[in-house]
Amino acid sequence: QVQFVESGGGLVQPGGSLRLSCVASGITFSIYTMGWYRQAAGKQREFVGAISSGGSTNYGDSVKGRFTISRDNAKNTVYLQMNSLKPEDTAVYSCYAGRGYFSYDYWGQGTQVTVSS
């Protein structure tokens, strides 16, 4: 059974930082591209970033230079370091596994990130 457990979300002030983690089970983690997408209330899902099995990364335009994605294959974990957070970053963030940056084969339930003063 494929399972993703996201953590690290919460309430943060504008300009602050958060680090999200996603632990995956039930898949051969190391061979998948792992990534994050987000969905704000009333809006479409938005690609945030992804990291390939080889370590190459890709980011959505709205987060470039502020967010960093990394992975630890020994721990079956993908991370999303979010800096300089803005109110418009408020959303549910979900991790996923796929065969490419934009292939969402498996995904988690998500963790809420709220950026507000």
C-alpha atoms as a PDB file:
ATOM      1  CA  GLN A   1       0.000   0.000   0.000  1.00  0.00           C
ATOM      2  CA  VAL A   2       1.369   3.370  -1.047  1.00  0.00           C
ATOM      3  CA  GLN A   3       1.346   5.946   1.709  1.00  0.00           C
ATOM      4  CA  PHE A   4       2.716   9.460   2.018  1.00  0.00           C
ATOM      5  CA  VAL A   5       2.858  11.277   5.353  1.00  0.00           C
ATOM      6  CA  GLU A   6       3.421  15.028   5.106  1.00  0.00           C
ATOM      7  CA  SER A   7       4.385  17.182   8.066  1.00  0.00           C
ATOM      8  CA  GLY A   8       5.763  20.604   8.903  1.00  0.00           C
ATOM      9  CA  GLY A   9       2.875  22.808   7.898  1.00  0.00           C
ATOM     10  CA  GLY A  10       1.410  25.512  10.086  1.00  0.00           C
ATOM     11  CA  LEU A  11       0.920  29.219  10.565  1.00  0.00           C
ATOM     12  CA  VAL A  12       3.817  31.549   9.794  1.00  0.00           C
ATOM     13  CA  GLN A  13       4.177  35.300   9.400  1.00  0.00           C
ATOM     14  CA  PRO A  14       5.040  36.856   6.043  1.00  0.00           C
ATOM     15  CA  GLY A  15       8.771  36.676   5.450  1.00  0.00           C
ATOM     16  CA  GLY A  16       9.106  33.579   7.606  1.00  0.00           C
ATOM     17  CA  SER A  17      10.209  30.047   6.790  1.00  0.00           C
ATOM     18  CA  LEU A  18       8.863  26.536   7.029  1.00  0.00           C
ATOM     19  CA  ARG A  19      10.266  23.130   6.150  1.00  0.00           C
ATOM     20  CA  LEU A  20       7.878  20.459   4.938  1.00  0.00           C
ATOM     21  CA  SER A  21       8.697  16.758   5.031  1.00  0.00           C
ATOM     22  CA  CYS A  22       7.080  13.833   3.263  1.00  0.00           C
ATOM     23  CA  VAL A  23       7.842  10.236   4.159  1.00  0.00           C
ATOM     24  CA  ALA A  24       6.851   7.709   1.514  1.00  0.00           C
ATOM     25  CA  SER A  25       6.194   4.002   1.887  1.00  0.00           C
ATOM     26  CA  GLY A  26       5.011   1.287  -0.474  1.00  0.00           C
ATOM     27  CA  ILE A  27       7.061   2.496  -3.442  1.00  0.00           C
ATOM     28  CA  THR A  28      10.655   2.124  -4.592  1.00  0.00           C
ATOM     29  CA  PHE A  29      11.387   5.679  -3.552  1.00  0.00           C
ATOM     30  CA  SER A  30      14.770   6.104  -5.205  1.00  0.00           C
ATOM     31  CA  ILE A  31      13.530   5.550  -8.759  1.00  0.00           C
ATOM     32  CA  TYR A  32      10.740   8.132  -8.662  1.00  0.00           C
ATOM     33  CA  THR A  33      10.698  11.824  -9.279  1.00  0.00           C
ATOM     34  CA  MET A  34       9.372  13.340  -6.054  1.00  0.00           C
ATOM     35  CA  GLY A  35       7.668  16.677  -5.845  1.00  0.00           C
ATOM     36  CA  TRP A  36       5.208  19.032  -4.257  1.00  0.00           C
ATOM     37  CA  TYR A  37       2.131  20.744  -5.539  1.00  0.00           C
ATOM     38  CA  ARG A  38      -0.247  23.069  -3.721  1.00  0.00           C
ATOM     39  CA  GLN A  39      -3.866  24.004  -3.893  1.00  0.00           C
ATOM     40  CA  ALA A  40      -5.319  27.142  -2.400  1.00  0.00           C
ATOM     41  CA  ALA A  41      -8.992  27.416  -1.543  1.00  0.00           C
ATOM     42  CA  GLY A  42     -11.035  27.970  -4.688  1.00  0.00           C
ATOM     43  CA  LYS A  43      -8.019  27.693  -6.995  1.00  0.00           C
ATOM     44  CA  GLN A  44      -6.532  25.082  -9.285  1.00  0.00           C
ATOM     45  CA  ARG A  45      -3.686  22.836  -8.272  1.00  0.00           C
ATOM     46  CA  GLU A  46      -0.304  24.479  -8.826  1.00  0.00           C
ATOM     47  CA  PHE A  47       3.062  22.799  -9.398  1.00  0.00           C
ATOM     48  CA  VAL A  48       5.568  23.902  -6.735  1.00  0.00           C
ATOM     49  CA  GLY A  49       8.701  21.889  -7.431  1.00  0.00           C
ATOM     50  CA  ALA A  50      10.146  18.457  -8.019  1.00  0.00           C
ATOM     51  CA  ILE A  51      13.403  16.544  -7.839  1.00  0.00           C
ATOM     52  CA  SER A  52      14.288  13.695 -10.155  1.00  0.00           C
ATOM     53  CA  SER A  53      15.817  10.390  -9.146  1.00  0.00           C
ATOM     54  CA  GLY A  54      19.136  11.817 -10.305  1.00  0.00           C
ATOM     55  CA  GLY A  55      18.787  14.977  -8.235  1.00  0.00           C
ATOM     56  CA  SER A  56      17.793  17.493 -10.923  1.00  0.00           C
ATOM     57  CA  THR A  57      15.232  20.027  -9.775  1.00  0.00           C
ATOM     58  CA  ASN A  58      12.464  22.060 -11.341  1.00  0.00           C
ATOM     59  CA  TYR A  59      10.394  24.824  -9.734  1.00  0.00           C
ATOM     60  CA  GLY A  60       7.260  26.740 -10.444  1.00  0.00           C
ATOM     61  CA  ASP A  61       7.828  30.368 -11.425  1.00  0.00           C
ATOM     62  CA  SER A  62       6.094  31.726  -8.328  1.00  0.00           C
ATOM     63  CA  VAL A  63       8.504  29.999  -5.915  1.00  0.00           C
ATOM     64  CA  LYS A  64      11.838  30.133  -7.765  1.00  0.00           C
ATOM     65  CA  GLY A  65      14.586  31.534  -5.580  1.00  0.00           C
ATOM     66  CA  ARG A  66      12.528  31.111  -2.399  1.00  0.00           C
ATOM     67  CA  PHE A  67      11.795  27.383  -2.166  1.00  0.00           C
ATOM     68  CA  THR A  68      14.263  24.482  -2.261  1.00  0.00           C
ATOM     69  CA  ILE A  69      13.407  20.832  -2.689  1.00  0.00           C
ATOM     70  CA  SER A  70      15.676  17.991  -1.585  1.00  0.00           C
ATOM     71  CA  ARG A  71      15.462  14.270  -0.977  1.00  0.00           C
ATOM     72  CA  ASP A  72      17.003  11.617   1.258  1.00  0.00           C
ATOM     73  CA  ASN A  73      16.663   8.224  -0.391  1.00  0.00           C
ATOM     74  CA  ALA A  74      17.908   6.412   2.712  1.00  0.00           C
ATOM     75  CA  LYS A  75      14.945   7.830   4.635  1.00  0.00           C
ATOM     76  CA  ASN A  76      12.389   7.711   1.798  1.00  0.00           C
ATOM     77  CA  THR A  77      11.839  11.392   2.475  1.00  0.00           C
ATOM     78  CA  VAL A  78      11.440  14.500   0.333  1.00  0.00           C
ATOM     79  CA  TYR A  79      11.708  17.993   1.813  1.00  0.00           C
ATOM     80  CA  LEU A  80      10.506  21.426   0.830  1.00  0.00           C
ATOM     81  CA  GLN A  81      12.333  24.356   2.415  1.00  0.00           C
ATOM     82  CA  MET A  82      10.211  27.465   2.058  1.00  0.00           C
ATOM     83  CA  ASN A  83      11.761  30.868   2.724  1.00  0.00           C
ATOM     84  CA  SER A  84      10.498  34.434   2.344  1.00  0.00           C
ATOM     85  CA  LEU A  85       6.927  33.209   2.575  1.00  0.00           C
ATOM     86  CA  LYS A  86       4.122  35.391   1.257  1.00  0.00           C
ATOM     87  CA  PRO A  87       0.387  35.380   1.990  1.00  0.00           C
ATOM     88  CA  GLU A  88      -0.190  34.056  -1.527  1.00  0.00           C
ATOM     89  CA  ASP A  89       1.758  30.913  -0.574  1.00  0.00           C
ATOM     90  CA  THR A  90      -1.146  29.915   1.669  1.00  0.00           C
ATOM     91  CA  ALA A  91      -2.426  26.525   0.470  1.00  0.00           C
ATOM     92  CA  VAL A  92      -2.551  22.812   1.157  1.00  0.00           C
ATOM     93  CA  TYR A  93       0.793  21.357   0.115  1.00  0.00           C
ATOM     94  CA  SER A  94       0.911  17.742  -1.053  1.00  0.00           C
ATOM     95  CA  CYS A  95       3.847  15.582  -2.024  1.00  0.00           C
ATOM     96  CA  TYR A  96       3.745  13.223  -4.966  1.00  0.00           C
ATOM     97  CA  ALA A  97       5.732  10.568  -6.791  1.00  0.00           C
ATOM     98  CA  GLY A  98       5.833  10.252 -10.536  1.00  0.00           C
ATOM     99  CA  ARG A  99       7.767   9.229 -13.628  1.00  0.00           C
ATOM    100  CA  GLY A 100       8.548  12.854 -14.432  1.00  0.00           C
ATOM    101  CA  TYR A 101       8.206  16.356 -13.071  1.00  0.00           C
ATOM    102  CA  PHE A 102       4.536  16.627 -14.019  1.00  0.00           C
ATOM    103  CA  SER A 103       3.483  13.011 -13.613  1.00  0.00           C
ATOM    104  CA  TYR A 104       1.389  12.603 -10.470  1.00  0.00           C
ATOM    105  CA  ASP A 105       1.256   8.843 -10.041  1.00  0.00           C
ATOM    106  CA  TYR A 106       0.894   8.805  -6.253  1.00  0.00           C
ATOM    107  CA  TRP A 107       0.208  11.644  -3.817  1.00  0.00           C
ATOM    108  CA  GLY A 108      -0.459  12.386  -0.167  1.00  0.00           C
ATOM    109  CA  GLN A 109      -3.295  14.080   1.693  1.00  0.00           C
ATOM    110  CA  GLY A 110      -1.406  17.292   2.186  1.00  0.00           C
ATOM    111  CA  THR A 111      -0.466  19.675   4.972  1.00  0.00           C
ATOM    112  CA  GLN A 112      -1.861  23.174   5.451  1.00  0.00           C
ATOM    113  CA  VAL A 113       0.450  26.167   5.197  1.00  0.00           C
ATOM    114  CA  THR A 114      -0.969  29.531   6.219  1.00  0.00           C
ATOM    115  CA  VAL A 115       1.022  32.730   5.812  1.00  0.00           C
ATOM    116  CA  SER A 116      -0.574  35.558   7.736  1.00  0.00           C
ATOM    117  CA  SER A 117       0.266  38.304  10.196  1.00  0.00           C
END
